[in-house]
Each structure stands twice: as structure tokens, then as C-alpha cells.
Amino acid sequence: MQVMTRCTIKPGEVERVLELLRAVYEELATVEPDGLRYASFQLDDGVSLVSFVELEHGPQTLQQLPAFQRYRTELAQACVEPPVTAVLQEVGAYRFH
């Protein structure tokens, strides 16, 4: 399963959200869960984030991490609107994997 999440963060909340997201990556580096690929990008407007997740074993792989739980809880309150998540159907990829 491949999923994309995008959101726009309130300007005063950007640094806090980025710190929480960095904590997720620190925990991922420690735990090294199998079957998970995760990448996040801050857009050039400075307030938008896009994350791409590839899950071989379902969303619980990511959702069980305490740092991710904190990030998602805080993100919901820090966004202008709730984050939008979409399941992706790959059409093609070149050196993406």
C-alpha cells in the first residue's frame, strides 16, 4: 500500500511540527521496522508538507510508534485544515524505489 498525506500548517506551528516529524525519523532509525518506506517533504511555501508512505504490512507498522502517534495528534491541531490522505495507485516510476 502506498499513501500520500498532505497538509498546510499554521505559520506559527511549522517549527514545532518539523521537530515532531524529525522525532519520528529518529525513532524509525532506531526501530528499523520491516516493510516500511517513509519520506516527508516541506514545500517551498514553507507551510505545506507532503509525506509518502509505502507499507507492506499495513498502517499499524507506523501507527504503533510513539513518536508518530505524538506527531499525528499534534499535526491535527497545527494544520489550517485536517491533513488529506490518499491511497496511491502507481502508474509508473523511474528509479523511485
PDB file of N, CA and C in Angstrom:
ATOM      1  N   MET A   1       0.849  -1.172   0.000  1.00  0.00           N
ATOM      2  CA  MET A   1       0.000   0.000   0.000  1.00  0.00           C
ATOM      3  C   MET A   1       0.897   1.238   0.000  1.00  0.00           C
ATOM      4  N   GLN A   2       0.570   2.171  -0.870  1.00  0.00           N
ATOM      5  CA  GLN A   2       1.275   3.451  -0.928  1.00  0.00           C
ATOM      6  C   GLN A   2       0.287   4.568  -0.610  1.00  0.00           C
ATOM      7  N   VAL A   3       0.693   5.452   0.281  1.00  0.00           N
ATOM      8  CA  VAL A   3      -0.201   6.504   0.757  1.00  0.00           C
ATOM      9  C   VAL A   3       0.528   7.845   0.717  1.00  0.00           C
ATOM     10  N   MET A   4      -0.210   8.882   0.345  1.00  0.00           N
ATOM     11  CA  MET A   4       0.314  10.243   0.382  1.00  0.00           C
ATOM     12  C   MET A   4      -0.539  11.050   1.343  1.00  0.00           C
ATOM     13  N   THR A   5       0.113  11.843   2.183  1.00  0.00           N
ATOM     14  CA  THR A   5      -0.593  12.749   3.079  1.00  0.00           C
ATOM     15  C   THR A   5      -0.050  14.141   2.839  1.00  0.00           C
ATOM     16  N   ARG A   6      -0.957  15.096   2.738  1.00  0.00           N
ATOM     17  CA  ARG A   6      -0.523  16.484   2.568  1.00  0.00           C
ATOM     18  C   ARG A   6      -1.307  17.359   3.532  1.00  0.00           C
ATOM     19  N   CYS A   7      -0.646  18.441   3.955  1.00  0.00           N
ATOM     20  CA  CYS A   7      -1.297  19.354   4.884  1.00  0.00           C
ATOM     21  C   CYS A   7      -0.638  20.721   4.801  1.00  0.00           C
ATOM     22  N   THR A   8      -1.381  21.711   5.255  1.00  0.00           N
ATOM     23  CA  THR A   8      -0.866  23.071   5.372  1.00  0.00           C
ATOM     24  C   THR A   8      -0.882  23.424   6.853  1.00  0.00           C
ATOM     25  N   ILE A   9       0.273  23.814   7.360  1.00  0.00           N
ATOM     26  CA  ILE A   9       0.443  24.081   8.779  1.00  0.00           C
ATOM     27  C   ILE A   9       0.291  25.577   9.045  1.00  0.00           C
ATOM     28  N   LYS A  10      -0.295  25.900  10.179  1.00  0.00           N
ATOM     29  CA  LYS A  10      -0.383  27.299  10.588  1.00  0.00           C
ATOM     30  C   LYS A  10       1.035  27.850  10.719  1.00  0.00           C
ATOM     31  N   PRO A  11       1.305  29.054  10.208  1.00  0.00           N
ATOM     32  CA  PRO A  11       2.674  29.587  10.200  1.00  0.00           C
ATOM     33  C   PRO A  11       3.393  29.525  11.544  1.00  0.00           C
ATOM     34  N   GLY A  12       2.727  29.775  12.639  1.00  0.00           N
ATOM     35  CA  GLY A  12       3.374  29.744  13.942  1.00  0.00           C
ATOM     36  C   GLY A  12       3.646  28.348  14.479  1.00  0.00           C
ATOM     37  N   GLU A  13       3.181  27.329  13.788  1.00  0.00           N
ATOM     38  CA  GLU A  13       3.311  25.950  14.255  1.00  0.00           C
ATOM     39  C   GLU A  13       4.342  25.145  13.464  1.00  0.00           C
ATOM     40  N   VAL A  14       4.914  25.721  12.414  1.00  0.00           N
ATOM     41  CA  VAL A  14       5.777  24.970  11.497  1.00  0.00           C
ATOM     42  C   VAL A  14       6.965  24.333  12.215  1.00  0.00           C
ATOM     43  N   GLU A  15       7.714  25.101  12.978  1.00  0.00           N
ATOM     44  CA  GLU A  15       8.912  24.554  13.628  1.00  0.00           C
ATOM     45  C   GLU A  15       8.577  23.433  14.597  1.00  0.00           C
ATOM     46  N   ARG A  16       7.490  23.586  15.339  1.00  0.00           N
ATOM     47  CA  ARG A  16       7.083  22.536  16.289  1.00  0.00           C
ATOM     48  C   ARG A  16       6.724  21.248  15.551  1.00  0.00           C
ATOM     49  N   VAL A  17       5.995  21.378  14.449  1.00  0.00           N
ATOM     50  CA  VAL A  17       5.611  20.204  13.671  1.00  0.00           C
ATOM     51  C   VAL A  17       6.851  19.538  13.065  1.00  0.00           C
ATOM     52  N   LEU A  18       7.787  20.333  12.552  1.00  0.00           N
ATOM     53  CA  LEU A  18       9.008  19.767  11.985  1.00  0.00           C
ATOM     54  C   LEU A  18       9.829  19.039  13.047  1.00  0.00           C
ATOM     55  N   GLU A  19       9.867  19.564  14.261  1.00  0.00           N
ATOM     56  CA  GLU A  19      10.570  18.881  15.355  1.00  0.00           C
ATOM     57  C   GLU A  19       9.923  17.533  15.663  1.00  0.00           C
ATOM     58  N   LEU A  20       8.593  17.506  15.692  1.00  0.00           N
ATOM     59  CA  LEU A  20       7.884  16.253  15.934  1.00  0.00           C
ATOM     60  C   LEU A  20       8.142  15.254  14.808  1.00  0.00           C
ATOM     61  N   LEU A  21       8.186  15.744  13.587  1.00  0.00           N
ATOM     62  CA  LEU A  21       8.437  14.872  12.441  1.00  0.00           C
ATOM     63  C   LEU A  21       9.869  14.331  12.471  1.00  0.00           C
ATOM     64  N   ARG A  22      10.813  15.166  12.853  1.00  0.00           N
ATOM     65  CA  ARG A  22      12.196  14.692  12.987  1.00  0.00           C
ATOM     66  C   ARG A  22      12.290  13.598  14.048  1.00  0.00           C
ATOM     67  N   ALA A  23      11.510  13.712  15.102  1.00  0.00           N
ATOM     68  CA  ALA A  23      11.487  12.682  16.146  1.00  0.00           C
ATOM     69  C   ALA A  23      10.966  11.355  15.594  1.00  0.00           C
ATOM     70  N   VAL A  24      10.026  11.427  14.668  1.00  0.00           N
ATOM     71  CA  VAL A  24       9.524  10.207  14.016  1.00  0.00           C
ATOM     72  C   VAL A  24      10.668   9.524  13.277  1.00  0.00           C
ATOM     73  N   TYR A  25      11.426  10.300  12.514  1.00  0.00           N
ATOM     74  CA  TYR A  25      12.538   9.720  11.754  1.00  0.00           C
ATOM     75  C   TYR A  25      13.635   9.186  12.673  1.00  0.00           C
ATOM     76  N   GLU A  26      13.860   9.828  13.801  1.00  0.00           N
ATOM     77  CA  GLU A  26      14.830   9.314  14.766  1.00  0.00           C
ATOM     78  C   GLU A  26      14.374   7.963  15.313  1.00  0.00           C
ATOM     79  N   GLU A  27      13.087   7.863  15.625  1.00  0.00           N
ATOM     80  CA  GLU A  27      12.571   6.587  16.136  1.00  0.00           C
ATOM     81  C   GLU A  27      12.619   5.518  15.053  1.00  0.00           C
ATOM     82  N   LEU A  28      12.289   5.878  13.822  1.00  0.00           N
ATOM     83  CA  LEU A  28      12.371   4.916  12.722  1.00  0.00           C
ATOM     84  C   LEU A  28      13.799   4.397  12.551  1.00  0.00           C
ATOM     85  N   ALA A  29      14.776   5.283  12.670  1.00  0.00           N
ATOM     86  CA  ALA A  29      16.174   4.872  12.530  1.00  0.00           C
ATOM     87  C   ALA A  29      16.588   3.912  13.641  1.00  0.00           C
ATOM     88  N   THR A  30      15.989   4.063  14.814  1.00  0.00           N
ATOM     89  CA  THR A  30      16.293   3.183  15.944  1.00  0.00           C
ATOM     90  C   THR A  30      15.575   1.845  15.820  1.00  0.00           C
ATOM     91  N   VAL A  31      14.293   1.897  15.494  1.00  0.00           N
ATOM     92  CA  VAL A  31      13.456   0.692  15.459  1.00  0.00           C
ATOM     93  C   VAL A  31      13.668  -0.109  14.176  1.00  0.00           C
ATOM     94  N   GLU A  32      13.872   0.582  13.056  1.00  0.00           N
ATOM     95  CA  GLU A  32      14.049  -0.028  11.731  1.00  0.00           C
ATOM     96  C   GLU A  32      12.958  -1.047  11.403  1.00  0.00           C
ATOM     97  N   PRO A  33      11.700  -0.629  11.368  1.00  0.00           N
ATOM     98  CA  PRO A  33      10.620  -1.578  11.078  1.00  0.00           C
ATOM     99  C   PRO A  33      10.704  -2.106   9.648  1.00  0.00           C
ATOM    100  N   ASP A  34      10.458  -3.387   9.491  1.00  0.00           N
ATOM    101  CA  ASP A  34      10.455  -4.017   8.175  1.00  0.00           C
ATOM    102  C   ASP A  34       9.226  -3.586   7.380  1.00  0.00           C
ATOM    103  N   GLY A  35       9.369  -3.542   6.087  1.00  0.00           N
ATOM    104  CA  GLY A  35       8.243  -3.300   5.206  1.00  0.00           C
ATOM    105  C   GLY A  35       7.714  -1.882   5.229  1.00  0.00           C
ATOM    106  N   LEU A  36       8.542  -0.911   5.621  1.00  0.00           N
ATOM    107  CA  LEU A  36       8.092   0.476   5.696  1.00  0.00           C
ATOM    108  C   LEU A  36       9.094   1.372   4.992  1.00  0.00           C
ATOM    109  N   ARG A  37       8.578   2.209   4.115  1.00  0.00           N
ATOM    110  CA  ARG A  37       9.363   3.274   3.481  1.00  0.00           C
ATOM    111  C   ARG A  37       8.579   4.552   3.717  1.00  0.00           C
ATOM    112  N   TYR A  38       9.276   5.612   4.138  1.00  0.00           N
ATOM    113  CA  TYR A  38       8.581   6.829   4.545  1.00  0.00           C
ATOM    114  C   TYR A  38       9.454   8.022   4.191  1.00  0.00           C
ATOM    115  N   ALA A  39       8.875   9.001   3.539  1.00  0.00           N
ATOM    116  CA  ALA A  39       9.606  10.219   3.179  1.00  0.00           C
ATOM    117  C   ALA A  39       8.668  11.408   3.326  1.00  0.00           C
ATOM    118  N   SER A  40       9.197  12.506   3.861  1.00  0.00           N
ATOM    119  CA  SER A  40       8.414  13.730   4.040  1.00  0.00           C
ATOM    120  C   SER A  40       9.159  14.891   3.400  1.00  0.00           C
ATOM    121  N   PHE A  41       8.390  15.817   2.848  1.00  0.00           N
ATOM    122  CA  PHE A  41       8.962  16.960   2.153  1.00  0.00           C
ATOM    123  C   PHE A  41       8.224  18.231   2.549  1.00  0.00           C
ATOM    124  N   GLN A  42       8.976  19.283   2.815  1.00  0.00           N
ATOM    125  CA  GLN A  42       8.398  20.598   3.065  1.00  0.00           C
ATOM    126  C   GLN A  42       8.402  21.338   1.730  1.00  0.00           C
ATOM    127  N   LEU A  43       7.262  21.859   1.338  1.00  0.00           N
ATOM    128  CA  LEU A  43       7.161  22.562   0.066  1.00  0.00           C
ATOM    129  C   LEU A  43       7.755  23.955   0.173  1.00  0.00           C
ATOM    130  N   ASP A  44       7.990  24.577  -0.980  1.00  0.00           N
ATOM    131  CA  ASP A  44       8.678  25.868  -0.998  1.00  0.00           C
ATOM    132  C   ASP A  44       7.863  27.011  -0.407  1.00  0.00           C
ATOM    133  N   ASP A  45       6.581  26.794  -0.124  1.00  0.00           N
ATOM    134  CA  ASP A  45       5.812  27.847   0.553  1.00  0.00           C
ATOM    135  C   ASP A  45       6.126  27.908   2.047  1.00  0.00           C
ATOM    136  N   GLY A  46       6.858  26.896   2.541  1.00  0.00           N
ATOM    137  CA  GLY A  46       7.291  26.877   3.927  1.00  0.00           C
ATOM    138  C   GLY A  46       6.269  26.361   4.921  1.00  0.00           C
ATOM    139  N   VAL A  47       5.018  26.217   4.520  1.00  0.00           N
ATOM    140  CA  VAL A  47       3.971  25.786   5.451  1.00  0.00           C
ATOM    141  C   VAL A  47       3.273  24.493   5.024  1.00  0.00           C
ATOM    142  N   SER A  48       3.615  23.981   3.857  1.00  0.00           N
ATOM    143  CA  SER A  48       2.979  22.748   3.376  1.00  0.00           C
ATOM    144  C   SER A  48       3.932  21.576   3.492  1.00  0.00           C
ATOM    145  N   LEU A  49       3.387  20.435   3.901  1.00  0.00           N
ATOM    146  CA  LEU A  49       4.141  19.191   3.998  1.00  0.00           C
ATOM    147  C   LEU A  49       3.457  18.124   3.162  1.00  0.00           C
ATOM    148  N   VAL A  50       4.273  17.278   2.545  1.00  0.00           N
ATOM    149  CA  VAL A  50       3.775  16.107   1.830  1.00  0.00           C
ATOM    150  C   VAL A  50       4.588  14.914   2.309  1.00  0.00           C
ATOM    151  N   SER A  51       3.904  13.840   2.664  1.00  0.00           N
ATOM    152  CA  SER A  51       4.582  12.618   3.081  1.00  0.00           C
ATOM    153  C   SER A  51       4.117  11.469   2.207  1.00  0.00           C
ATOM    154  N   PHE A  52       5.054  10.597   1.882  1.00  0.00           N
ATOM    155  CA  PHE A  52       4.767   9.392   1.105  1.00  0.00           C
ATOM    156  C   PHE A  52       5.164   8.197   1.954  1.00  0.00           C
ATOM    157  N   VAL A  53       4.261   7.234   2.038  1.00  0.00           N
ATOM    158  CA  VAL A  53       4.484   6.053   2.855  1.00  0.00           C
ATOM    159  C   VAL A  53       4.192   4.823   2.011  1.00  0.00           C
ATOM    160  N   GLU A  54       5.097   3.871   2.093  1.00  0.00           N
ATOM    161  CA  GLU A  54       4.864   2.571   1.469  1.00  0.00           C
ATOM    162  C   GLU A  54       4.864   1.546   2.591  1.00  0.00           C
ATOM    163  N   LEU A  55       3.754   0.829   2.718  1.00  0.00           N
ATOM    164  CA  LEU A  55       3.552  -0.102   3.827  1.00  0.00           C
ATOM    165  C   LEU A  55       3.305  -1.504   3.292  1.00  0.00           C
ATOM    166  N   GLU A  56       4.194  -2.416   3.595  1.00  0.00           N
ATOM    167  CA  GLU A  56       3.989  -3.803   3.176  1.00  0.00           C
ATOM    168  C   GLU A  56       3.055  -4.549   4.118  1.00  0.00           C
ATOM    169  N   HIS A  57       3.067  -4.149   5.397  1.00  0.00           N
ATOM    170  CA  HIS A  57       2.316  -4.901   6.410  1.00  0.00           C
ATOM    171  C   HIS A  57       1.170  -4.098   7.017  1.00  0.00           C
ATOM    172  N   GLY A  58       0.727  -3.060   6.368  1.00  0.00           N
ATOM    173  CA  GLY A  58      -0.393  -2.280   6.854  1.00  0.00           C
ATOM    174  C   GLY A  58       0.025  -1.095   7.702  1.00  0.00           C
ATOM    175  N   PRO A  59      -0.926  -0.193   7.977  1.00  0.00           N
ATOM    176  CA  PRO A  59      -0.623   1.061   8.671  1.00  0.00           C
ATOM    177  C   PRO A  59      -0.179   0.896  10.120  1.00  0.00           C
ATOM    178  N   GLN A  60      -0.471  -0.237  10.746  1.00  0.00           N
ATOM    179  CA  GLN A  60      -0.093  -0.420  12.149  1.00  0.00           C
ATOM    180  C   GLN A  60       1.420  -0.355  12.336  1.00  0.00           C
ATOM    181  N   THR A  61       2.188  -0.661  11.299  1.00  0.00           N
ATOM    182  CA  THR A  61       3.651  -0.595  11.399  1.00  0.00           C
ATOM    183  C   THR A  61       4.092   0.802  11.807  1.00  0.00           C
ATOM    184  N   LEU A  62       3.479   1.805  11.237  1.00  0.00           N
ATOM    185  CA  LEU A  62       3.821   3.194  11.538  1.00  0.00           C
ATOM    186  C   LEU A  62       3.026   3.713  12.734  1.00  0.00           C
ATOM    187  N   GLN A  63       1.760   3.357  12.795  1.00  0.00           N
ATOM    188  CA  GLN A  63       0.882   3.885  13.832  1.00  0.00           C
ATOM    189  C   GLN A  63       1.242   3.421  15.239  1.00  0.00           C
ATOM    190  N   GLN A  64       1.985   2.345  15.373  1.00  0.00           N
ATOM    191  CA  GLN A  64       2.345   1.853  16.707  1.00  0.00           C
ATOM    192  C   GLN A  64       3.539   2.587  17.302  1.00  0.00           C
ATOM    193  N   LEU A  65       4.218   3.416  16.529  1.00  0.00           N
ATOM    194  CA  LEU A  65       5.381   4.151  17.034  1.00  0.00           C
ATOM    195  C   LEU A  65       4.932   5.347  17.879  1.00  0.00           C
ATOM    196  N   PRO A  66       5.417   5.465  19.114  1.00  0.00           N
ATOM    197  CA  PRO A  66       5.022   6.586  19.971  1.00  0.00           C
ATOM    198  C   PRO A  66       5.298   7.962  19.347  1.00  0.00           C
ATOM    199  N   ALA A  67       6.440   8.128  18.694  1.00  0.00           N
ATOM    200  CA  ALA A  67       6.758   9.427  18.080  1.00  0.00           C
ATOM    201  C   ALA A  67       5.765   9.763  16.969  1.00  0.00           C
ATOM    202  N   PHE A  68       5.328   8.760  16.201  1.00  0.00           N
ATOM    203  CA  PHE A  68       4.351   9.004  15.152  1.00  0.00           C
ATOM    204  C   PHE A  68       2.994   9.350  15.751  1.00  0.00           C
ATOM    205  N   GLN A  69       2.630   8.690  16.830  1.00  0.00           N
ATOM    206  CA  GLN A  69       1.364   8.993  17.499  1.00  0.00           C
ATOM    207  C   GLN A  69       1.344  10.440  17.977  1.00  0.00           C
ATOM    208  N   ARG A  70       2.453  10.909  18.579  1.00  0.00           N
ATOM    209  CA  ARG A  70       2.543  12.308  19.030  1.00  0.00           C
ATOM    210  C   ARG A  70       2.456  13.257  17.836  1.00  0.00           C
ATOM    211  N   TYR A  71       3.190  12.927  16.781  1.00  0.00           N
ATOM    212  CA  TYR A  71       3.201  13.763  15.578  1.00  0.00           C
ATOM    213  C   TYR A  71       1.794  13.909  15.003  1.00  0.00           C
ATOM    214  N   ARG A  72       1.086  12.810  14.837  1.00  0.00           N
ATOM    215  CA  ARG A  72      -0.253  12.869  14.235  1.00  0.00           C
ATOM    216  C   ARG A  72      -1.241  13.627  15.128  1.00  0.00           C
ATOM    217  N   THR A  73      -1.143  13.458  16.430  1.00  0.00           N
ATOM    218  CA  THR A  73      -2.025  14.174  17.352  1.00  0.00           C
ATOM    219  C   THR A  73      -1.790  15.672  17.261  1.00  0.00           C
ATOM    220  N   GLU A  74      -0.530  16.076  17.309  1.00  0.00           N
ATOM    221  CA  GLU A  74      -0.182  17.496  17.243  1.00  0.00           C
ATOM    222  C   GLU A  74      -0.462  18.082  15.865  1.00  0.00           C
ATOM    223  N   LEU A  75      -0.235  17.297  14.824  1.00  0.00           N
ATOM    224  CA  LEU A  75      -0.437  17.776  13.456  1.00  0.00           C
ATOM    225  C   LEU A  75      -1.890  18.176  13.223  1.00  0.00           C
ATOM    226  N   ALA A  76      -2.805  17.387  13.731  1.00  0.00           N
ATOM    227  CA  ALA A  76      -4.230  17.684  13.542  1.00  0.00           C
ATOM    228  C   ALA A  76      -4.590  19.065  14.086  1.00  0.00           C
ATOM    229  N   GLN A  77      -3.955  19.457  15.181  1.00  0.00           N
ATOM    230  CA  GLN A  77      -4.247  20.757  15.791  1.00  0.00           C
ATOM    231  C   GLN A  77      -3.455  21.890  15.147  1.00  0.00           C
ATOM    232  N   ALA A  78      -2.325  21.558  14.522  1.00  0.00           N
ATOM    233  CA  ALA A  78      -1.431  22.583  13.973  1.00  0.00           C
ATOM    234  C   ALA A  78      -1.749  22.952  12.529  1.00  0.00           C
ATOM    235  N   CYS A  79      -2.646  22.212  11.902  1.00  0.00           N
ATOM    236  CA  CYS A  79      -2.947  22.446  10.490  1.00  0.00           C
ATOM    237  C   CYS A  79      -4.076  23.453  10.304  1.00  0.00           C
ATOM    238  N   VAL A  80      -4.034  24.139   9.185  1.00  0.00           N
ATOM    239  CA  VAL A  80      -5.097  25.062   8.800  1.00  0.00           C
ATOM    240  C   VAL A  80      -6.384  24.282   8.586  1.00  0.00           C
ATOM    241  N   GLU A  81      -6.270  23.133   7.921  1.00  0.00           N
ATOM    242  CA  GLU A  81      -7.370  22.190   7.693  1.00  0.00           C
ATOM    243  C   GLU A  81      -6.846  20.809   8.045  1.00  0.00           C
ATOM    244  N   PRO A  82      -7.713  19.835   8.289  1.00  0.00           N
ATOM    245  CA  PRO A  82      -7.215  18.484   8.587  1.00  0.00           C
ATOM    246  C   PRO A  82      -6.346  17.950   7.440  1.00  0.00           C
ATOM    247  N   PRO A  83      -5.322  17.158   7.768  1.00  0.00           N
ATOM    248  CA  PRO A  83      -4.492  16.560   6.720  1.00  0.00           C
ATOM    249  C   PRO A  83      -5.336  15.712   5.769  1.00  0.00           C
ATOM    250  N   VAL A  84      -4.942  15.709   4.507  1.00  0.00           N
ATOM    251  CA  VAL A  84      -5.633  14.932   3.477  1.00  0.00           C
ATOM    252  C   VAL A  84      -4.763  13.734   3.131  1.00  0.00           C
ATOM    253  N   THR A  85      -5.337  12.553   3.203  1.00  0.00           N
ATOM    254  CA  THR A  85      -4.611  11.319   2.910  1.00  0.00           C
ATOM    255  C   THR A  85      -5.261  10.635   1.717  1.00  0.00           C
ATOM    256  N   ALA A  86      -4.416  10.109   0.821  1.00  0.00           N
ATOM    257  CA  ALA A  86      -4.914   9.400  -0.356  1.00  0.00           C
ATOM    258  C   ALA A  86      -4.080   8.149  -0.584  1.00  0.00           C
ATOM    259  N   VAL A  87      -4.750   7.046  -0.906  1.00  0.00           N
ATOM    260  CA  VAL A  87      -4.059   5.821  -1.295  1.00  0.00           C
ATOM    261  C   VAL A  87      -3.662   5.996  -2.761  1.00  0.00           C
ATOM    262  N   LEU A  88      -2.413   5.674  -3.065  1.00  0.00           N
ATOM    263  CA  LEU A  88      -1.874   5.886  -4.403  1.00  0.00           C
ATOM    264  C   LEU A  88      -1.853   4.586  -5.205  1.00  0.00           C
ATOM    265  N   GLN A  89      -2.176   4.683  -6.460  1.00  0.00           N
ATOM    266  CA  GLN A  89      -2.071   3.568  -7.394  1.00  0.00           C
ATOM    267  C   GLN A  89      -0.969   3.920  -8.382  1.00  0.00           C
ATOM    268  N   GLU A  90       0.150   3.221  -8.296  1.00  0.00           N
ATOM    269  CA  GLU A  90       1.299   3.549  -9.136  1.00  0.00           C
ATOM    270  C   GLU A  90       1.001   3.323 -10.604  1.00  0.00           C
ATOM    271  N   VAL A  91       1.310   4.311 -11.394  1.00  0.00           N
ATOM    272  CA  VAL A  91       1.169   4.228 -12.843  1.00  0.00           C
ATOM    273  C   VAL A  91       2.526   3.871 -13.447  1.00  0.00           C
ATOM    274  N   GLY A  92       3.554   4.406 -12.894  1.00  0.00           N
ATOM    275  CA  GLY A  92       4.909   4.146 -13.350  1.00  0.00           C
ATOM    276  C   GLY A  92       5.885   4.838 -12.427  1.00  0.00           C
ATOM    277  N   ALA A  93       7.128   4.399 -12.474  1.00  0.00           N
ATOM    278  CA  ALA A  93       8.159   5.005 -11.654  1.00  0.00           C
ATOM    279  C   ALA A  93       9.500   4.783 -12.344  1.00  0.00           C
ATOM    280  N   TYR A  94      10.364   5.755 -12.236  1.00  0.00           N
ATOM    281  CA  TYR A  94      11.710   5.633 -12.767  1.00  0.00           C
ATOM    282  C   TYR A  94      12.695   5.919 -11.633  1.00  0.00           C
ATOM    283  N   ARG A  95      13.410   4.899 -11.226  1.00  0.00           N
ATOM    284  CA  ARG A  95      14.400   4.997 -10.139  1.00  0.00           C
ATOM    285  C   ARG A  95      13.822   5.586  -8.850  1.00  0.00           C
ATOM    286  N   PHE A  96      12.560   5.358  -8.615  1.00  0.00           N
ATOM    287  CA  PHE A  96      11.921   5.897  -7.427  1.00  0.00           C
ATOM    288  C   PHE A  96      12.056   4.957  -6.237  1.00  0.00           C
ATOM    289  N   HIS A  97      12.111   3.695  -6.501  1.00  0.00           N
ATOM    290  CA  HIS A  97      12.166   2.693  -5.419  1.00  0.00           C
ATOM    291  C   HIS A  97      13.570   2.493  -4.941  1.00  0.00           C
TER     292      HIS A  97
END
